[in-house]
Every structure is written in C-alpha cells, then in structure tokens.
Amino acid sequence: PWAVELQETFCARVCAGEINCADTSWFLDTLATRGHARSILTLGDETYQSMKVRGLGRPNGYFTNIHYTKRPEEKADVLLRACVAFPEEEIVMLDDSPRELEAIARTAPRVRRIQIRRNDQTYVSAHAHVIVSHLNAALEQLE
C-alpha cells in the first residue's frame, strides 16, 4: 500500500503540473548533445525520487551518476567530493531549493549555482549566481 500511495502521489503531482518532465527531457537532451556530463543529485525518499527520474523516460541515457540523499547537507557533501575529484572541471548545480543552494554555497563555494524558480516560487537564494524561471534560460547560462 505504501508504494501504491507513492505512485498515486507522483501521478497526481504530474497531472497537476507540479512535475514537468517534458522541459526537463528537452534540457537534458540538449546538454547531452553539447557533450556536458550530467548527474542527478536528488533529495528525498529514494522510491519516490526514482519515480521522478524514471518519469523522464530514459534515466540511464541522461545521467552518468544518480545520487539520492536524505538530508540537504548531503547534496553539498556530494558536490564537495566532485570538486575534489574534478579540480579542473566547472561544476554547475541547477536547483529550485534556495535552502539547498545556500548549503552548497557554504560547503562547496566553487560550484556555480543556478536557481530555477518554478510554479511562481517567490523565495530566491542570495547564494545563487543566477536565477532563472525556465530551463531554456538555464541553458543559456551554460553556453
């Protein structure tokens, strides 16, 4: 029953337009075409987050790495490890959570942070390098 309830919650959020896989798929396709490495770092229950990732249609084709975290601080820790592992690479984090972007700014300041504001989100992060309202604008920041 718990998995069925999660699936129903996920489906309801997709139908309500809270989860938009169409623009995300296009964005990831474009990044792949341009040769960018792509990883997903997602916060929350792994079962539910896996549904969101699978909702993109072909998660293994989009991402080199998929990381599930249970606490916002874990995202920052994963990014800090990426900075150490890839000292010459630009690492960009696109996130809708100002709180998580602020944790990343404290822990891994080298990471370029882009906040995407979805669904009329009003709170913006003072720690984002750029704030965009849609993925097309985020893509422009990566050119």
Protein backbone atom coordinates (compact mmCIF):
# COMPACT_ATOMS: atom_id res chain seq x y z
CA PRO A 1 0.00 0.00 0.00
CA TRP A 2 2.86 2.43 0.72
CA ALA A 3 4.31 2.05 -2.82
CA VAL A 4 0.83 2.42 -4.34
CA GLU A 5 0.28 5.59 -2.30
CA LEU A 6 3.62 6.99 -3.51
CA GLN A 7 2.73 6.18 -7.12
CA GLU A 8 -0.66 7.88 -6.73
CA THR A 9 1.01 10.95 -5.19
CA PHE A 10 3.52 11.08 -8.05
CA CYS A 11 0.81 10.74 -10.71
CA ALA A 12 -1.32 13.42 -9.05
CA ARG A 13 1.65 15.84 -8.99
CA VAL A 14 2.39 15.18 -12.69
CA CYS A 15 -1.28 15.76 -13.59
CA ALA A 16 -1.32 18.98 -11.54
CA GLY A 17 1.69 20.25 -13.49
CA GLU A 18 3.93 20.28 -10.40
CA ILE A 19 6.34 17.84 -12.06
CA ASN A 20 7.12 18.71 -15.65
CA CYS A 21 9.16 16.04 -17.40
CA ALA A 22 8.78 17.49 -20.92
CA ASP A 23 11.03 20.52 -20.49
CA THR A 24 13.44 18.53 -18.32
CA SER A 25 13.85 15.87 -21.02
CA TRP A 26 14.50 18.54 -23.66
CA PHE A 27 17.03 20.26 -21.38
CA LEU A 28 18.92 17.02 -20.71
CA ASP A 29 18.88 16.08 -24.42
CA THR A 30 20.41 19.45 -25.25
CA LEU A 31 23.11 19.08 -22.58
CA ALA A 32 23.94 15.61 -23.93
CA THR A 33 24.19 16.95 -27.49
CA ARG A 34 26.64 19.60 -26.29
CA GLY A 35 28.77 16.99 -24.55
CA HIS A 36 28.12 18.01 -20.95
CA ALA A 37 28.41 15.33 -18.27
CA ARG A 38 25.12 15.02 -16.39
CA SER A 39 24.47 13.72 -12.91
CA ILE A 40 21.35 13.96 -10.83
CA LEU A 41 21.51 14.68 -7.14
CA THR A 42 18.06 14.44 -5.64
CA LEU A 43 16.79 14.88 -2.11
CA GLY A 44 14.06 12.77 -0.59
CA ASP A 45 12.70 9.28 -0.36
CA GLU A 46 14.59 7.12 -2.87
CA THR A 47 11.47 5.23 -4.03
CA TYR A 48 9.57 8.44 -4.78
CA GLN A 49 12.58 10.19 -6.33
CA SER A 50 13.22 7.11 -8.51
CA MET A 51 9.71 7.50 -9.91
CA LYS A 52 10.50 11.08 -10.85
CA VAL A 53 13.76 10.05 -12.52
CA ARG A 54 12.05 7.20 -14.41
CA GLY A 55 9.35 9.68 -15.45
CA LEU A 56 11.95 11.29 -17.70
CA GLY A 57 11.70 8.27 -19.97
CA ARG A 58 15.31 7.11 -20.16
CA PRO A 59 17.22 7.97 -16.99
CA ASN A 60 20.21 5.78 -17.82
CA GLY A 61 20.60 7.64 -21.10
CA TYR A 62 20.55 11.02 -19.38
CA PHE A 63 22.75 10.55 -16.34
CA THR A 64 26.23 9.26 -15.69
CA ASN A 65 25.52 9.21 -11.95
CA ILE A 66 22.33 9.21 -9.92
CA HIS A 67 22.66 10.13 -6.22
CA TYR A 68 19.78 10.00 -3.74
CA THR A 69 20.18 11.90 -0.48
CA LYS A 70 18.04 12.11 2.63
CA ARG A 71 19.33 15.44 4.01
CA PRO A 72 20.09 18.74 2.23
CA GLU A 73 23.62 18.77 3.68
CA GLU A 74 24.35 15.52 1.83
CA LYS A 75 23.91 17.31 -1.51
CA ALA A 76 26.59 19.79 -0.55
CA ASP A 77 28.90 16.97 0.57
CA VAL A 78 28.49 15.13 -2.76
CA LEU A 79 29.29 18.34 -4.65
CA LEU A 80 32.33 18.98 -2.48
CA ARG A 81 33.62 15.49 -3.34
CA ALA A 82 33.01 16.25 -7.04
CA CYS A 83 35.07 19.44 -6.73
CA VAL A 84 37.95 17.44 -5.25
CA ALA A 85 37.66 14.67 -7.84
CA PHE A 86 37.44 17.06 -10.81
CA PRO A 87 39.53 20.11 -9.87
CA GLU A 88 39.75 21.42 -13.45
CA GLU A 89 36.08 20.96 -14.36
CA GLU A 90 33.34 23.53 -13.98
CA ILE A 91 30.60 22.09 -11.78
CA VAL A 92 27.16 23.63 -12.11
CA MET A 93 24.21 22.93 -9.81
CA LEU A 94 20.71 23.72 -11.00
CA ASP A 95 18.23 23.55 -8.14
CA ASP A 96 14.87 25.01 -7.14
CA SER A 97 15.60 24.97 -3.42
CA PRO A 98 17.16 28.16 -2.04
CA ARG A 99 17.97 26.32 1.20
CA GLU A 100 19.96 23.66 -0.63
CA LEU A 101 21.76 26.26 -2.76
CA GLU A 102 22.76 28.09 0.42
CA ALA A 103 24.16 24.87 1.93
CA ILE A 104 26.13 24.28 -1.27
CA ALA A 105 27.49 27.84 -1.18
CA ARG A 106 28.81 27.23 2.34
CA THR A 107 30.28 23.78 1.71
CA ALA A 108 31.36 23.88 -1.94
CA PRO A 109 31.65 27.55 -2.94
CA ARG A 110 33.37 26.69 -6.23
CA VAL A 111 30.14 25.17 -7.59
CA ARG A 112 28.29 27.52 -9.92
CA ARG A 113 24.74 27.72 -8.59
CA ILE A 114 21.66 28.37 -10.74
CA GLN A 115 18.27 28.60 -9.06
CA ILE A 116 15.29 27.65 -11.17
CA ARG A 117 12.07 29.23 -9.94
CA ARG A 118 9.08 27.06 -10.76
CA ASN A 119 5.38 27.45 -10.08
CA ASP A 120 5.58 31.12 -9.03
CA GLN A 121 8.12 30.37 -6.32
CA THR A 122 8.83 33.65 -4.54
CA TYR A 123 11.77 32.92 -2.23
CA VAL A 124 15.08 33.34 -4.00
CA SER A 125 18.53 32.44 -2.81
CA ALA A 126 21.02 35.19 -2.13
CA HIS A 127 23.62 32.50 -2.83
CA ALA A 128 22.60 31.70 -6.41
CA HIS A 129 24.84 33.06 -9.14
CA VAL A 130 21.85 33.25 -11.49
CA ILE A 131 18.09 32.91 -11.01
CA VAL A 132 16.05 31.70 -13.99
CA SER A 133 12.37 30.97 -14.49
CA HIS A 134 12.65 28.18 -17.05
CA LEU A 135 15.18 25.63 -18.28
CA ASN A 136 15.76 27.42 -21.59
CA ALA A 137 17.17 30.36 -19.63
CA ALA A 138 19.33 27.97 -17.59
CA LEU A 139 20.69 26.52 -20.81
CA GLU A 140 21.66 29.99 -21.98
CA GLN A 141 23.75 30.36 -18.80
CA LEU A 142 25.74 27.26 -19.78
CA GLU A 143 26.76 28.49 -23.23
